[in-house]
Amino acid sequence: MIEANADKVEKAIREAAGQLSDEEECDVGHSA
């Protein structure tokens, strides 16, 4: 269960980072 939850959290973080990178490609995305 812990691994599954971590997988969901990581996916959510990637999605959030993707949204940020869409708004600010220069600052966000490369650091992740």
PDB file of N, CA and C in Angstrom:
ATOM      1  N   MET A   1       0.823  -1.209   0.000  1.00  0.00           N
ATOM      2  CA  MET A   1       0.000   0.000   0.000  1.00  0.00           C
ATOM      3  C   MET A   1       0.858   1.260   0.000  1.00  0.00           C
ATOM      4  N   ILE A   2       1.939   1.217   0.747  1.00  0.00           N
ATOM      5  CA  ILE A   2       2.800   2.399   0.835  1.00  0.00           C
ATOM      6  C   ILE A   2       3.395   2.724  -0.534  1.00  0.00           C
ATOM      7  N   GLU A   3       3.830   1.691  -1.244  1.00  0.00           N
ATOM      8  CA  GLU A   3       4.431   1.922  -2.557  1.00  0.00           C
ATOM      9  C   GLU A   3       3.394   2.488  -3.521  1.00  0.00           C
ATOM     10  N   ALA A   4       2.167   1.975  -3.441  1.00  0.00           N
ATOM     11  CA  ALA A   4       1.098   2.457  -4.314  1.00  0.00           C
ATOM     12  C   ALA A   4       0.799   3.922  -4.024  1.00  0.00           C
ATOM     13  N   ASN A   5       0.746   4.273  -2.736  1.00  0.00           N
ATOM     14  CA  ASN A   5       0.488   5.661  -2.358  1.00  0.00           C
ATOM     15  C   ASN A   5       1.612   6.561  -2.847  1.00  0.00           C
ATOM     16  N   ALA A   6       2.848   6.109  -2.686  1.00  0.00           N
ATOM     17  CA  ALA A   6       3.997   6.895  -3.133  1.00  0.00           C
ATOM     18  C   ALA A   6       3.924   7.093  -4.641  1.00  0.00           C
ATOM     19  N   ASP A   7       3.458   6.065  -5.351  1.00  0.00           N
ATOM     20  CA  ASP A   7       3.333   6.157  -6.797  1.00  0.00           C
ATOM     21  C   ASP A   7       2.315   7.225  -7.170  1.00  0.00           C
ATOM     22  N   LYS A   8       1.194   7.248  -6.445  1.00  0.00           N
ATOM     23  CA  LYS A   8       0.156   8.249  -6.716  1.00  0.00           C
ATOM     24  C   LYS A   8       0.671   9.647  -6.422  1.00  0.00           C
ATOM     25  N   VAL A   9       1.390   9.780  -5.306  1.00  0.00           N
ATOM     26  CA  VAL A   9       1.930  11.091  -4.927  1.00  0.00           C
ATOM     27  C   VAL A   9       2.928  11.566  -5.966  1.00  0.00           C
ATOM     28  N   GLU A  10       3.805  10.654  -6.396  1.00  0.00           N
ATOM     29  CA  GLU A  10       4.823  11.027  -7.384  1.00  0.00           C
ATOM     30  C   GLU A  10       4.161  11.446  -8.691  1.00  0.00           C
ATOM     31  N   LYS A  11       3.114  10.729  -9.089  1.00  0.00           N
ATOM     32  CA  LYS A  11       2.399  11.070 -10.318  1.00  0.00           C
ATOM     33  C   LYS A  11       1.755  12.446 -10.193  1.00  0.00           C
ATOM     34  N   ALA A  12       1.153  12.709  -9.032  1.00  0.00           N
ATOM     35  CA  ALA A  12       0.507  14.001  -8.802  1.00  0.00           C
ATOM     36  C   ALA A  12       1.529  15.124  -8.864  1.00  0.00           C
ATOM     37  N   ILE A  13       2.715  14.868  -8.282  1.00  0.00           N
ATOM     38  CA  ILE A  13       3.781  15.874  -8.301  1.00  0.00           C
ATOM     39  C   ILE A  13       4.228  16.133  -9.736  1.00  0.00           C
ATOM     40  N   ARG A  14       4.359  15.071 -10.512  1.00  0.00           N
ATOM     41  CA  ARG A  14       4.777  15.236 -11.914  1.00  0.00           C
ATOM     42  C   ARG A  14       3.738  16.029 -12.691  1.00  0.00           C
ATOM     43  N   GLU A  15       2.453  15.753 -12.413  1.00  0.00           N
ATOM     44  CA  GLU A  15       1.385  16.485 -13.100  1.00  0.00           C
ATOM     45  C   GLU A  15       1.422  17.960 -12.719  1.00  0.00           C
ATOM     46  N   ALA A  16       1.622  18.229 -11.426  1.00  0.00           N
ATOM     47  CA  ALA A  16       1.695  19.609 -10.955  1.00  0.00           C
ATOM     48  C   ALA A  16       2.896  20.302 -11.576  1.00  0.00           C
ATOM     49  N   ALA A  17       4.023  19.610 -11.621  1.00  0.00           N
ATOM     50  CA  ALA A  17       5.232  20.174 -12.214  1.00  0.00           C
ATOM     51  C   ALA A  17       5.007  20.427 -13.698  1.00  0.00           C
ATOM     52  N   GLY A  18       4.253  19.557 -14.337  1.00  0.00           N
ATOM     53  CA  GLY A  18       3.958  19.723 -15.752  1.00  0.00           C
ATOM     54  C   GLY A  18       3.128  20.974 -15.990  1.00  0.00           C
ATOM     55  N   GLN A  19       2.174  21.235 -15.101  1.00  0.00           N
ATOM     56  CA  GLN A  19       1.345  22.429 -15.231  1.00  0.00           C
ATOM     57  C   GLN A  19       2.191  23.678 -15.029  1.00  0.00           C
ATOM     58  N   LEU A  20       3.089  23.636 -14.053  1.00  0.00           N
ATOM     59  CA  LEU A  20       3.954  24.782 -13.784  1.00  0.00           C
ATOM     60  C   LEU A  20       4.884  25.016 -14.967  1.00  0.00           C
ATOM     61  N   SER A  21       5.415  23.918 -15.526  1.00  0.00           N
ATOM     62  CA  SER A  21       6.356  24.047 -16.634  1.00  0.00           C
ATOM     63  C   SER A  21       5.645  24.627 -17.856  1.00  0.00           C
ATOM     64  N   ASP A  22       4.347  24.365 -17.977  1.00  0.00           N
ATOM     65  CA  ASP A  22       3.594  24.928 -19.086  1.00  0.00           C
ATOM     66  C   ASP A  22       3.470  26.438 -18.925  1.00  0.00           C
ATOM     67  N   GLU A  23       3.331  26.885 -17.667  1.00  0.00           N
ATOM     68  CA  GLU A  23       3.187  28.315 -17.416  1.00  0.00           C
ATOM     69  C   GLU A  23       4.542  29.015 -17.449  1.00  0.00           C
ATOM     70  N   GLU A  24       5.544  28.358 -16.856  1.00  0.00           N
ATOM     71  CA  GLU A  24       6.883  28.960 -16.799  1.00  0.00           C
ATOM     72  C   GLU A  24       7.913  27.924 -17.233  1.00  0.00           C
ATOM     73  N   GLU A  25       8.108  27.793 -18.530  1.00  0.00           N
ATOM     74  CA  GLU A  25       9.011  26.765 -19.037  1.00  0.00           C
ATOM     75  C   GLU A  25      10.456  27.059 -18.658  1.00  0.00           C
ATOM     76  N   CYS A  26      10.807  28.332 -18.582  1.00  0.00           N
ATOM     77  CA  CYS A  26      12.201  28.704 -18.324  1.00  0.00           C
ATOM     78  C   CYS A  26      12.626  28.329 -16.908  1.00  0.00           C
ATOM     79  N   ASP A  27      11.774  28.639 -15.919  1.00  0.00           N
ATOM     80  CA  ASP A  27      12.161  28.440 -14.519  1.00  0.00           C
ATOM     81  C   ASP A  27      11.888  27.010 -14.058  1.00  0.00           C
ATOM     82  N   VAL A  28      10.752  26.464 -14.446  1.00  0.00           N
ATOM     83  CA  VAL A  28      10.345  25.156 -13.934  1.00  0.00           C
ATOM     84  C   VAL A  28      10.522  24.085 -15.003  1.00  0.00           C
ATOM     85  N   GLY A  29      10.766  22.853 -14.572  1.00  0.00           N
ATOM     86  CA  GLY A  29      10.889  21.751 -15.514  1.00  0.00           C
ATOM     87  C   GLY A  29      12.295  21.212 -15.547  1.00  0.00           C
ATOM     88  N   HIS A  30      13.279  22.091 -15.736  1.00  0.00           N
ATOM     89  CA  HIS A  30      14.668  21.631 -15.810  1.00  0.00           C
ATOM     90  C   HIS A  30      15.192  21.247 -14.431  1.00  0.00           C
ATOM     91  N   SER A  31      14.717  21.919 -13.399  1.00  0.00           N
ATOM     92  CA  SER A  31      15.217  21.665 -12.046  1.00  0.00           C
ATOM     93  C   SER A  31      14.644  20.364 -11.495  1.00  0.00           C
ATOM     94  N   ALA A  32      13.500  19.945 -12.004  1.00  0.00           N
ATOM     95  CA  ALA A  32      12.845  18.751 -11.473  1.00  0.00           C
ATOM     96  C   ALA A  32      13.633  17.499 -11.817  1.00  0.00           C
TER      97      ALA A  32
END
